[in-house]
Amino acid sequence: MSKRIFRAQLSLRCCGTSAPERAAGTCWQLYVAQTGLVVKWPTFTWPTSTEIPSVAARKAALAYLGFTLAEDVAWDWMEYTSPDYHPHPARVVLLGAVKVRPLESGAA
């Protein structure tokens, strides 16, 4: 089993996203933080929706990216205020995070 541990984060992108492909509106995005450029981090974007992806959907997305949950971990949830530079009034944003490790066989 791999001993390398990374942090995966799940966030609701209020103004769309451009990675890995352009989304026109609000969508959930999962990414695995690693060393190197942010644009090269493994990223999965769900279709435009405000509904939080289920635990099963998050696990499937992580497997697609080549990761699985680390042993004995649970998702942590945090609230924060969106940055002032967004083109809408500041609002509370939800962010989920969990420790992950690479799959033994790599990406699905």
Protein backbone atom coordinates (compact mmCIF):
# COMPACT_ATOMS: atom_id res chain seq x y z
CA MET A 1 0.00 0.00 0.00
CA SER A 2 1.26 3.50 -0.84
CA LYS A 3 2.33 5.61 2.12
CA ARG A 4 2.05 8.89 0.18
CA ILE A 5 -0.83 10.94 1.55
CA PHE A 6 -2.38 13.91 -0.24
CA ARG A 7 -5.27 16.22 0.52
CA ALA A 8 -8.31 16.18 -1.73
CA GLN A 9 -10.66 19.15 -1.65
CA LEU A 10 -14.21 19.51 -2.87
CA SER A 11 -15.55 22.99 -3.53
CA LEU A 12 -18.58 24.59 -5.09
CA ARG A 13 -17.27 26.77 -7.89
CA CYS A 14 -19.65 29.71 -7.90
CA CYS A 15 -18.47 31.28 -11.13
CA GLY A 16 -17.71 28.19 -13.17
CA THR A 17 -14.31 26.74 -13.88
CA SER A 18 -11.86 26.24 -16.70
CA ALA A 19 -10.20 23.01 -15.53
CA PRO A 20 -10.26 20.35 -16.77
CA GLU A 21 -12.90 21.80 -19.10
CA ARG A 22 -14.98 24.96 -19.12
CA ALA A 23 -18.16 24.95 -17.02
CA ALA A 24 -20.68 27.70 -17.64
CA GLY A 25 -22.01 28.06 -14.12
CA THR A 26 -22.05 26.80 -10.57
CA CYS A 27 -20.52 23.33 -10.25
CA TRP A 28 -18.71 21.11 -7.76
CA GLN A 29 -15.02 20.45 -8.36
CA LEU A 30 -12.77 17.87 -6.68
CA TYR A 31 -9.00 18.20 -6.86
CA VAL A 32 -5.99 16.55 -5.23
CA ALA A 33 -3.45 19.08 -3.98
CA GLN A 34 0.11 18.16 -4.90
CA THR A 35 3.46 19.82 -5.38
CA GLY A 36 3.86 21.67 -8.64
CA LEU A 37 1.57 23.88 -10.65
CA VAL A 38 -2.11 24.00 -9.64
CA VAL A 39 -3.16 23.55 -13.29
CA LYS A 40 -1.50 20.11 -13.24
CA TRP A 41 -3.32 18.83 -10.14
CA PRO A 42 -5.71 15.92 -10.76
CA THR A 43 -9.17 17.51 -11.06
CA PHE A 44 -12.71 16.24 -11.56
CA THR A 45 -15.65 18.56 -12.30
CA TRP A 46 -19.30 17.54 -12.02
CA PRO A 47 -21.87 19.01 -14.41
CA THR A 48 -23.36 22.35 -13.44
CA SER A 49 -25.31 21.83 -10.20
CA THR A 50 -25.44 23.08 -6.62
CA GLU A 51 -26.26 19.62 -5.20
CA ILE A 52 -23.35 18.23 -3.15
CA PRO A 53 -21.97 15.06 -4.79
CA SER A 54 -22.76 11.94 -2.74
CA VAL A 55 -20.07 10.03 -0.86
CA ALA A 56 -20.24 7.33 -3.56
CA ALA A 57 -19.85 9.94 -6.32
CA ARG A 58 -16.83 11.45 -4.54
CA LYS A 59 -15.21 8.01 -4.14
CA ALA A 60 -15.81 7.25 -7.82
CA ALA A 61 -14.29 10.60 -8.85
CA LEU A 62 -11.24 9.96 -6.66
CA ALA A 63 -10.81 6.49 -8.21
CA TYR A 64 -11.10 8.03 -11.68
CA LEU A 65 -8.25 10.38 -10.69
CA GLY A 66 -6.20 7.44 -9.33
CA PHE A 67 -6.79 7.94 -5.59
CA THR A 68 -8.70 6.44 -2.69
CA LEU A 69 -9.46 7.60 0.83
CA ALA A 70 -6.61 7.17 3.31
CA GLU A 71 -7.27 4.74 6.15
CA ASP A 72 -9.73 5.78 8.87
CA VAL A 73 -10.56 9.24 7.53
CA ALA A 74 -13.75 11.21 7.13
CA TRP A 75 -14.59 14.30 5.13
CA ASP A 76 -14.05 17.60 6.99
CA TRP A 77 -16.37 20.47 6.04
CA MET A 78 -15.55 24.17 6.39
CA GLU A 79 -17.40 27.36 5.59
CA TYR A 80 -15.69 30.50 4.39
CA THR A 81 -16.66 33.74 2.70
CA SER A 82 -16.15 34.08 -1.04
CA PRO A 83 -13.44 36.54 -2.10
CA ASP A 84 -14.31 40.18 -2.77
CA TYR A 85 -13.10 39.98 -6.39
CA HIS A 86 -16.00 37.74 -7.47
CA PRO A 87 -18.65 39.48 -9.58
CA HIS A 88 -21.37 38.94 -6.96
CA PRO A 89 -21.87 39.88 -3.30
CA ALA A 90 -19.73 37.95 -0.81
CA ARG A 91 -21.42 34.78 0.42
CA VAL A 92 -20.70 31.70 2.50
CA VAL A 93 -19.00 28.93 0.56
CA LEU A 94 -18.66 25.26 1.58
CA LEU A 95 -15.38 23.34 1.24
CA GLY A 96 -14.87 19.62 1.92
CA ALA A 97 -11.47 18.04 2.48
CA VAL A 98 -10.15 14.53 3.10
CA LYS A 99 -6.80 12.73 3.12
CA VAL A 100 -6.25 10.42 0.15
CA ARG A 101 -3.58 8.06 -1.14
CA PRO A 102 -2.78 6.85 -4.65
CA LEU A 103 -4.50 3.66 -5.80
CA GLU A 104 -2.12 0.73 -6.08
CA SER A 105 -3.07 0.20 -9.72
CA GLY A 106 -3.19 3.92 -10.66
CA ALA A 107 -6.08 5.72 -12.34
CA ALA A 108 -9.11 3.79 -13.49
